[in-house]
Amino acid sequence: MPTNLRYVGLDVHAETIAVAVAEPDGEVRPLGILPNRPEAVAKLIRKLGPREHLRVCYEAGPCGYVLYWQLTRLGVPCDVVAPTLVPTKPGDRVKTDRRDAEKLARCYRAGDLTPVWVPDAAHEALRDLVRAREAAKQDQLRARHRLGKFLLRHGRRPLEGVKPWTQRHRRWLDALHFELAAQQATLADYLYEVDHAATRLERLEAALDEAVQAAPAPMRAVMAALQTLRGIRQVIAATIVSEVGALSRFPHPRELMGYSGTVPSERQPWSSRGHHHGRHTPSAPRPGRSRVGVPLQSEVREGPPATPTRPTGGDHRPRLESAAAAVYALSSPPRAGQTHAARDHRRGPRARRFHLGDRRRGRTPARCGSVRNTGIGGRRAR
């Protein structure tokens, strides 16, 4: 291992960057604070010496990967590390930019930091659009809730049998009238926000369709393969690809499930009580977690998808028919010694419910003589 490497830790903010360097002789010293501007960063790299002897890291945050791509173009190896996995002393209560930069440089030299996957331009663009669509969906839900709670406070309820946010429900909303002008103006504003949210969501979904068609061929192939699974359509497939990234970067499916947070936490105490399966362990971004977990639970409960020769619900059959035979073979492999035809004409037992650990917040594990959830596969008597 070369001993002449200088490990640089950067504490990056919107306007400033705190710099610290771990020298080859073991000394860790701060280099000051510089403006977060490309010319200032380039000047710093020139002062630090030969670029092949530099290793730079900074925490992932709201500043994105602009600094990473700038350092990469300058020929400096750079890692973006996970901020939640940076080692922290239990009694360390002092937090400043200078100390954070020194800690990054020291831990980077020791190999205690965990780099994150940096998306390329195509993945990052699709991710931005997917997150904008997710935000629009949440804003639409909030606008509908505001309108619904406003009507509930004044005792305005639709007729029996009218489902919310259908055409009949909308006609009932348009026919509402309040005697006071202030309440009528409030109703008109809430209706405008609901319509604006719906128009915004339609616009973003149309842009997402165009972005998927314009994506690189490998990304389109992965999204098409994901849509052969039950419960996954284009929006969910695009979310998984944009948030998780290249699936090939996970050597084993167990690591992908751990990244997406679809496995329960596990604790094995020293006592004779045995293993304890707790809540799920989320580490992926929230949109990716929700989009991966729901289709996975559907697959476990309902079994693998049907072949294109069998009737399926919704528009799942056209997606299966358009998928390649090799993709379908991977999405639902038959059992040992059993062909797809034999497997599909046999009615198997009902799948058991998939438990993501003990989801009862604030409760202790079951004691002796009770039944405790084992996480996956049902219950176990104590």
Protein backbone atom coordinates (compact mmCIF):
# COMPACT_ATOMS: atom_id res chain seq x y z
CA MET A 1 0.00 0.00 0.00
CA PRO A 2 1.51 3.40 -0.92
CA THR A 3 2.48 5.53 2.05
CA ASN A 4 2.75 8.87 0.26
CA LEU A 5 -1.00 9.40 -0.11
CA ARG A 6 -2.66 12.49 1.35
CA TYR A 7 -6.26 11.99 2.46
CA VAL A 8 -8.37 15.14 2.21
CA GLY A 9 -11.66 15.59 4.05
CA LEU A 10 -14.11 18.23 2.87
CA ASP A 11 -17.04 19.49 4.95
CA VAL A 12 -19.16 20.92 2.14
CA HIS A 13 -21.82 23.59 2.59
CA ALA A 14 -23.71 25.79 0.15
CA GLU A 15 -21.24 28.69 0.38
CA THR A 16 -18.14 27.31 2.13
CA ILE A 17 -15.96 24.21 2.25
CA ALA A 18 -13.89 23.31 5.32
CA VAL A 19 -10.72 21.42 4.37
CA ALA A 20 -8.50 19.09 6.41
CA VAL A 21 -5.72 16.75 5.29
CA ALA A 22 -4.24 13.58 6.79
CA GLU A 23 -0.52 13.62 5.99
CA PRO A 24 1.48 10.47 5.21
CA ASP A 25 3.35 10.82 8.53
CA GLY A 26 0.07 10.55 10.49
CA GLU A 27 -0.60 14.21 11.21
CA VAL A 28 -4.14 15.52 10.63
CA ARG A 29 -4.30 19.27 10.24
CA PRO A 30 -6.92 21.76 9.04
CA LEU A 31 -6.29 23.86 5.93
CA GLY A 32 -8.96 26.48 6.53
CA ILE A 33 -12.25 27.35 4.89
CA LEU A 34 -12.61 28.29 1.24
CA PRO A 35 -15.58 29.43 -0.88
CA ASN A 36 -17.62 26.73 -2.55
CA ARG A 37 -16.67 27.86 -6.05
CA PRO A 38 -15.04 25.87 -8.87
CA GLU A 39 -12.06 28.20 -9.14
CA ALA A 40 -11.37 27.97 -5.39
CA VAL A 41 -11.51 24.16 -5.49
CA ALA A 42 -9.15 24.05 -8.50
CA LYS A 43 -6.70 26.34 -6.69
CA LEU A 44 -6.78 24.07 -3.62
CA ILE A 45 -5.98 20.99 -5.69
CA ARG A 46 -2.98 22.73 -7.26
CA LYS A 47 -1.64 23.63 -3.80
CA LEU A 48 -2.00 20.09 -2.43
CA GLY A 49 0.59 18.63 -4.77
CA PRO A 50 0.51 15.78 -7.33
CA ARG A 51 -3.01 14.65 -8.02
CA GLU A 52 -2.11 10.97 -8.15
CA HIS A 53 -1.15 11.23 -4.45
CA LEU A 54 -4.49 12.72 -3.36
CA ARG A 55 -7.63 11.00 -2.09
CA VAL A 56 -10.61 13.28 -1.42
CA CYS A 57 -13.92 12.55 0.30
CA TYR A 58 -16.98 14.47 1.45
CA GLU A 59 -20.39 13.60 2.83
CA ALA A 60 -23.44 13.17 0.64
CA GLY A 61 -25.88 16.03 1.15
CA PRO A 62 -28.01 18.71 -0.47
CA CYS A 63 -25.09 19.99 -2.57
CA GLY A 64 -25.33 16.89 -4.74
CA TYR A 65 -22.48 15.52 -6.81
CA VAL A 66 -21.27 18.72 -8.46
CA LEU A 67 -18.04 18.70 -6.46
CA TYR A 68 -17.50 15.01 -7.20
CA TRP A 69 -17.70 15.54 -10.96
CA GLN A 70 -15.42 18.57 -10.76
CA LEU A 71 -12.74 16.64 -8.87
CA THR A 72 -13.10 13.69 -11.22
CA ARG A 73 -12.53 15.94 -14.23
CA LEU A 74 -9.42 17.31 -12.50
CA GLY A 75 -8.07 13.76 -12.21
CA VAL A 76 -8.45 13.49 -8.41
CA PRO A 77 -9.99 10.28 -6.95
CA CYS A 78 -13.01 11.26 -4.88
CA ASP A 79 -15.50 9.35 -2.76
CA VAL A 80 -18.92 10.55 -1.59
CA VAL A 81 -19.52 8.88 1.77
CA ALA A 82 -22.69 8.10 3.67
CA PRO A 83 -23.08 10.66 6.50
CA THR A 84 -25.05 8.27 8.73
CA LEU A 85 -22.22 5.72 8.68
CA VAL A 86 -19.44 8.08 9.77
CA PRO A 87 -18.07 6.86 13.15
CA THR A 88 -18.95 9.18 16.03
CA LYS A 89 -17.70 9.05 19.62
CA PRO A 90 -20.51 8.75 22.20
CA GLY A 91 -19.30 11.68 24.30
CA ASP A 92 -18.36 14.01 21.47
CA ARG A 93 -20.69 17.02 21.80
CA VAL A 94 -18.63 19.61 19.91
CA LYS A 95 -19.44 19.85 16.22
CA THR A 96 -17.80 22.44 13.99
CA ASP A 97 -16.89 22.52 10.32
CA ARG A 98 -13.18 22.24 11.10
CA ARG A 99 -13.64 19.23 13.39
CA ASP A 100 -15.92 17.53 10.87
CA ALA A 101 -13.34 17.94 8.11
CA GLU A 102 -10.59 16.55 10.35
CA LYS A 103 -12.76 13.57 11.29
CA LEU A 104 -13.48 12.83 7.65
CA ALA A 105 -9.78 12.92 6.74
CA ARG A 106 -8.84 10.71 9.70
CA CYS A 107 -11.59 8.13 9.13
CA TYR A 108 -10.96 8.13 5.37
CA ARG A 109 -7.33 7.22 5.93
CA ALA A 110 -8.36 4.48 8.37
CA GLY A 111 -10.87 3.02 5.90
CA ASP A 112 -13.86 3.53 8.21
CA LEU A 113 -16.05 5.40 5.70
CA THR A 114 -18.64 3.86 3.39
CA PRO A 115 -18.84 5.34 -0.13
CA VAL A 116 -22.23 5.73 -1.77
CA TRP A 117 -23.11 5.03 -5.38
CA VAL A 118 -22.81 8.14 -7.52
CA PRO A 119 -25.41 8.20 -10.34
CA ASP A 120 -24.50 9.16 -13.85
CA ALA A 121 -26.23 11.93 -15.76
CA ALA A 122 -29.04 9.69 -17.06
CA HIS A 123 -29.85 8.19 -13.66
CA GLU A 124 -29.70 11.56 -11.90
CA ALA A 125 -32.01 13.21 -14.44
CA LEU A 126 -34.55 10.40 -14.15
CA ARG A 127 -34.27 10.54 -10.36
CA ASP A 128 -35.02 14.27 -10.31
CA LEU A 129 -38.12 13.77 -12.42
CA VAL A 130 -39.32 10.81 -10.36
CA ARG A 131 -38.91 12.78 -7.12
CA ALA A 132 -40.72 15.76 -8.61
CA ARG A 133 -43.62 13.48 -9.52
CA GLU A 134 -43.57 12.00 -6.00
CA ALA A 135 -43.71 15.50 -4.50
CA ALA A 136 -46.62 16.39 -6.79
CA LYS A 137 -48.47 13.29 -5.65
CA GLN A 138 -47.99 14.26 -2.00
CA ASP A 139 -49.12 17.83 -2.70
CA GLN A 140 -52.25 16.52 -4.41
CA LEU A 141 -53.05 14.40 -1.34
CA ARG A 142 -52.56 17.40 0.95
CA ALA A 143 -54.80 19.60 -1.20
CA ARG A 144 -57.55 16.98 -1.17
CA HIS A 145 -57.24 16.60 2.59
CA ARG A 146 -57.52 20.35 3.15
CA LEU A 147 -60.69 20.51 1.09
CA GLY A 148 -62.17 17.45 2.77
CA LYS A 149 -61.47 18.71 6.28
CA PHE A 150 -62.91 22.13 5.41
CA LEU A 151 -66.16 20.55 4.27
CA LEU A 152 -66.20 18.24 7.30
CA ARG A 153 -65.96 21.19 9.69
CA HIS A 154 -69.09 22.68 8.14
CA GLY A 155 -71.05 19.43 7.93
CA ARG A 156 -71.08 19.20 4.13
CA ARG A 157 -71.16 15.53 3.18
CA PRO A 158 -71.77 13.96 -0.25
CA LEU A 159 -74.76 11.75 -0.96
CA GLU A 160 -74.75 8.12 0.07
CA GLY A 161 -72.81 5.95 -2.37
CA VAL A 162 -70.72 8.75 -3.90
CA LYS A 163 -67.08 7.74 -3.77
CA PRO A 164 -64.50 10.47 -3.14
CA TRP A 165 -62.79 12.08 -6.13
CA THR A 166 -64.96 10.53 -8.79
CA GLN A 167 -66.90 12.44 -11.44
CA ARG A 168 -70.06 12.38 -9.31
CA HIS A 169 -68.07 13.68 -6.36
CA ARG A 170 -66.64 16.49 -8.48
CA ARG A 171 -70.10 17.51 -9.70
CA TRP A 172 -71.23 17.63 -6.08
CA LEU A 173 -68.24 19.86 -5.19
CA ASP A 174 -69.03 22.25 -8.04
CA ALA A 175 -72.63 22.58 -6.84
CA LEU A 176 -71.65 23.54 -3.29
CA HIS A 177 -72.42 27.09 -2.15
CA PHE A 178 -71.81 28.95 1.11
CA GLU A 179 -73.79 31.97 2.21
CA LEU A 180 -70.80 33.88 3.57
CA ALA A 181 -68.42 35.27 0.96
CA ALA A 182 -65.31 34.35 3.00
CA GLN A 183 -66.25 30.67 3.10
CA GLN A 184 -67.14 30.66 -0.60
CA ALA A 185 -63.73 32.16 -1.39
CA THR A 186 -62.05 29.48 0.76
CA LEU A 187 -63.93 26.75 -1.11
CA ALA A 188 -62.95 28.22 -4.48
CA ASP A 189 -59.29 28.39 -3.45
CA TYR A 190 -59.24 24.79 -2.22
CA LEU A 191 -60.88 23.60 -5.45
CA TYR A 192 -58.31 25.53 -7.47
CA GLU A 193 -55.46 23.87 -5.57
CA VAL A 194 -56.96 20.43 -6.19
CA ASP A 195 -57.25 21.12 -9.92
CA HIS A 196 -53.76 22.62 -10.04
CA ALA A 197 -52.28 19.54 -8.33
CA ALA A 198 -54.05 17.22 -10.78
CA THR A 199 -52.81 19.22 -13.79
CA ARG A 200 -49.28 19.28 -12.41
CA LEU A 201 -49.33 15.51 -11.84
CA GLU A 202 -50.55 14.84 -15.38
CA ARG A 203 -47.81 17.06 -16.79
CA LEU A 204 -45.08 15.31 -14.81
CA GLU A 205 -46.36 11.84 -15.71
CA ALA A 206 -46.32 12.77 -19.40
CA ALA A 207 -42.75 14.04 -19.00
CA LEU A 208 -41.86 10.79 -17.22
CA ASP A 209 -43.20 8.76 -20.16
CA GLU A 210 -41.00 10.74 -22.53
CA ALA A 211 -37.98 10.40 -20.23
CA VAL A 212 -38.37 6.64 -20.07
CA GLN A 213 -38.53 6.40 -23.85
CA ALA A 214 -35.42 8.59 -24.17
CA ALA A 215 -33.44 6.69 -21.49
CA PRO A 216 -30.42 4.59 -22.49
CA ALA A 217 -31.14 1.08 -23.73
CA PRO A 218 -29.79 -0.72 -20.61
CA MET A 219 -32.06 1.32 -18.34
CA ARG A 220 -35.09 0.66 -20.54
CA ALA A 221 -34.32 -3.06 -20.52
CA VAL A 222 -34.20 -3.17 -16.72
CA MET A 223 -37.44 -1.20 -16.39
CA ALA A 224 -39.17 -3.51 -18.88
CA ALA A 225 -37.96 -6.56 -16.96
CA LEU A 226 -39.16 -5.14 -13.63
CA GLN A 227 -42.64 -4.62 -15.06
CA THR A 228 -43.04 -8.39 -15.50
CA LEU A 229 -43.39 -8.61 -11.71
CA ARG A 230 -46.83 -8.29 -10.19
CA GLY A 231 -47.60 -4.82 -8.85
CA ILE A 232 -44.88 -2.99 -10.80
CA ARG A 233 -45.73 -0.61 -13.61
CA GLN A 234 -43.72 2.05 -15.36
CA VAL A 235 -43.73 4.61 -12.52
CA ILE A 236 -42.57 2.09 -9.92
CA ALA A 237 -40.00 0.58 -12.29
CA ALA A 238 -38.58 4.02 -13.07
CA THR A 239 -38.45 4.82 -9.34
CA ILE A 240 -36.55 1.62 -8.54
CA VAL A 241 -34.05 2.12 -11.37
CA SER A 242 -33.45 5.79 -10.56
CA GLU A 243 -33.16 5.38 -6.78
CA VAL A 244 -31.38 2.04 -6.53
CA GLY A 245 -29.23 2.53 -9.62
CA ALA A 246 -27.43 -0.31 -11.35
CA LEU A 247 -28.69 -3.55 -9.82
CA SER A 248 -25.47 -5.29 -10.85
CA ARG A 249 -23.56 -3.36 -8.19
CA PHE A 250 -25.05 -5.70 -5.56
CA PRO A 251 -23.10 -9.00 -5.53
CA HIS A 252 -25.97 -10.87 -3.85
CA PRO A 253 -29.75 -10.32 -3.63
CA ARG A 254 -29.41 -10.24 0.15
CA GLU A 255 -27.47 -6.98 -0.14
CA LEU A 256 -30.14 -5.46 -2.37
CA MET A 257 -32.84 -6.36 0.14
CA GLY A 258 -30.76 -4.91 2.96
CA TYR A 259 -30.22 -1.68 1.01
CA SER A 260 -33.93 -1.30 0.27
CA GLY A 261 -34.90 -1.95 3.90
CA THR A 262 -37.16 -4.94 3.16
CA VAL A 263 -35.53 -7.18 5.78
CA PRO A 264 -36.13 -6.95 9.53
CA SER A 265 -33.47 -5.98 11.99
CA GLU A 266 -32.03 -8.85 14.01
CA ARG A 267 -30.58 -8.98 17.48
CA GLN A 268 -29.07 -11.99 19.23
CA PRO A 269 -28.63 -11.20 22.93
CA TRP A 270 -26.35 -13.16 25.21
CA SER A 271 -29.27 -14.54 27.21
CA SER A 272 -31.27 -17.64 26.40
CA ARG A 273 -34.15 -15.66 24.89
CA GLY A 274 -32.78 -16.25 21.42
CA HIS A 275 -33.02 -14.07 18.33
CA HIS A 276 -35.25 -11.02 18.18
CA HIS A 277 -36.52 -9.75 14.82
CA GLY A 278 -37.36 -6.07 15.07
CA ARG A 279 -38.42 -3.35 12.68
CA HIS A 280 -37.08 -3.14 9.14
CA THR A 281 -33.70 -1.52 8.63
CA PRO A 282 -34.14 1.24 6.01
CA SER A 283 -31.00 2.59 4.39
CA ALA A 284 -32.22 3.40 0.89
CA PRO A 285 -33.94 6.70 0.04
CA ARG A 286 -37.58 6.82 1.03
CA PRO A 287 -39.06 6.70 -2.52
CA GLY A 288 -36.94 3.66 -3.37
CA ARG A 289 -37.89 1.92 -0.12
CA SER A 290 -41.62 2.29 -0.64
CA ARG A 291 -41.50 1.32 -4.31
CA VAL A 292 -39.45 -1.84 -3.67
CA GLY A 293 -41.24 -3.05 -0.54
CA VAL A 294 -44.86 -3.05 -1.72
CA PRO A 295 -44.36 -5.11 -4.93
CA LEU A 296 -42.12 -7.51 -3.01
CA GLN A 297 -44.82 -8.19 -0.43
CA SER A 298 -47.32 -8.74 -3.26
CA GLU A 299 -45.01 -11.26 -4.89
CA VAL A 300 -44.55 -13.17 -1.63
CA ARG A 301 -48.27 -13.23 -0.78
CA GLU A 302 -49.64 -14.05 -4.22
CA GLY A 303 -46.78 -16.06 -5.68
CA PRO A 304 -44.97 -15.54 -9.00
CA PRO A 305 -46.80 -13.98 -11.95
CA ALA A 306 -48.73 -16.12 -14.38
CA THR A 307 -47.51 -17.06 -17.81
CA PRO A 308 -48.82 -15.11 -20.83
CA THR A 309 -51.10 -18.08 -21.63
CA ARG A 310 -53.05 -17.67 -18.40
CA PRO A 311 -55.50 -14.80 -17.73
CA THR A 312 -54.13 -12.15 -15.42
CA GLY A 313 -55.62 -9.13 -13.75
CA GLY A 314 -55.34 -5.57 -15.05
CA ASP A 315 -52.77 -4.89 -17.73
CA HIS A 316 -50.27 -7.46 -16.43
CA ARG A 317 -50.79 -9.82 -19.37
CA PRO A 318 -49.67 -7.33 -22.07
CA ARG A 319 -46.52 -6.62 -20.07
CA LEU A 320 -45.79 -10.34 -19.83
CA GLU A 321 -46.42 -10.89 -23.53
CA SER A 322 -44.03 -8.08 -24.45
CA ALA A 323 -41.28 -9.38 -22.17
CA ALA A 324 -38.55 -11.61 -23.48
CA ALA A 325 -38.67 -15.31 -22.62
CA ALA A 326 -35.37 -15.10 -20.73
CA VAL A 327 -36.70 -12.23 -18.61
CA TYR A 328 -39.82 -14.16 -17.67
CA ALA A 329 -37.75 -17.24 -16.83
CA LEU A 330 -35.76 -15.13 -14.37
CA SER A 331 -38.83 -13.40 -12.91
CA SER A 332 -40.61 -16.67 -12.03
CA PRO A 333 -38.27 -19.71 -12.20
CA PRO A 334 -39.96 -23.13 -11.88
CA ARG A 335 -39.10 -25.56 -9.14
CA ALA A 336 -36.52 -28.31 -9.57
CA GLY A 337 -37.71 -30.92 -12.07
CA GLN A 338 -40.78 -28.88 -13.04
CA THR A 339 -41.46 -27.00 -16.26
CA HIS A 340 -43.33 -23.74 -16.57
CA ALA A 341 -46.33 -25.52 -18.09
CA ALA A 342 -46.53 -28.05 -15.25
CA ARG A 343 -46.07 -25.35 -12.66
CA ASP A 344 -48.72 -23.06 -14.14
CA HIS A 345 -51.47 -25.71 -14.36
CA ARG A 346 -51.03 -26.72 -10.75
CA ARG A 347 -52.86 -24.85 -8.06
CA GLY A 348 -50.37 -24.36 -5.27
CA PRO A 349 -51.07 -23.63 -1.60
CA ARG A 350 -51.87 -20.13 -0.53
CA ALA A 351 -48.77 -18.14 0.28
CA ARG A 352 -48.21 -17.14 3.87
CA ARG A 353 -48.24 -13.53 4.89
CA PHE A 354 -44.93 -11.72 4.74
CA HIS A 355 -44.00 -10.05 8.03
CA LEU A 356 -41.37 -7.31 8.00
CA GLY A 357 -40.31 -7.89 11.57
CA ASP A 358 -42.05 -6.74 14.73
CA ARG A 359 -43.86 -3.58 13.61
CA ARG A 360 -45.34 -2.84 17.04
CA ARG A 361 -43.63 0.38 18.05
CA GLY A 362 -42.60 0.81 21.62
CA ARG A 363 -43.47 -2.74 22.70
CA THR A 364 -41.13 -5.24 24.24
CA PRO A 365 -40.63 -8.74 22.79
CA ALA A 366 -42.98 -11.45 23.91
CA ARG A 367 -42.12 -13.25 27.14
CA CYS A 368 -42.12 -16.94 27.93
CA GLY A 369 -45.41 -18.70 27.29
CA SER A 370 -46.58 -16.31 24.56
CA VAL A 371 -46.41 -16.27 20.79
CA ARG A 372 -43.85 -14.03 19.14
CA ASN A 373 -43.51 -12.96 15.55
CA THR A 374 -40.44 -14.55 13.98
CA GLY A 375 -40.21 -11.96 11.20
CA ILE A 376 -40.73 -14.08 8.06
CA GLY A 377 -42.79 -17.22 7.87
CA GLY A 378 -45.41 -16.81 10.59
CA ARG A 379 -45.30 -17.22 14.38
CA ARG A 380 -43.43 -19.34 16.84
CA ALA A 381 -44.50 -20.50 20.28
CA ARG A 382 -42.27 -19.54 23.18
